[in-house]
Amino acid sequence: QDILNTTEGESERAKRQQHFETLMNNFFPSAPGTYSVLRKLAGIAEGTEIASKTALECNQDFLNAISFSKGCYLGQELTARSQFTGVVRKRIVPVMIVDTEMEVPKPWVMASMIQELGT
């Protein structure tokens, strides 16, 4: 059954990735890795990146993926306590270290432009 769940999870991820790429075709040229670059620049983790992390550490509160008023889920007590106290000791944060002499890839420039338009 674990193999079945893994396959379903991979299938869902592939569907999400395809949907995202379809939405972004107007803004970005079709290039391998565009989805991953944008996702990581936005600080959105998925897959093994979120293993053994709480929902708040994975920025799910910023994505409106957590309900603080209802539901019962794994890690709810820790998440509610962290939200109540306002202290999250660790968080996934996008950091980019770039050589100043390196040319910035075009999808990153486009992502920056879209981000500036959205704020």
Foldseek 3Di string as FASTA:
>chain_A
DVVVVVVVVVVVVVVVLVVVCVVCVVQDPDDPPLSVVLCLQVQADDDPVCPPHDCVQRVVVVVVNDDLPDDDDPCNVVVNVCVVVVDDPHHRHRDDDDDPVDDDDPSVVSSVVVVVVVD
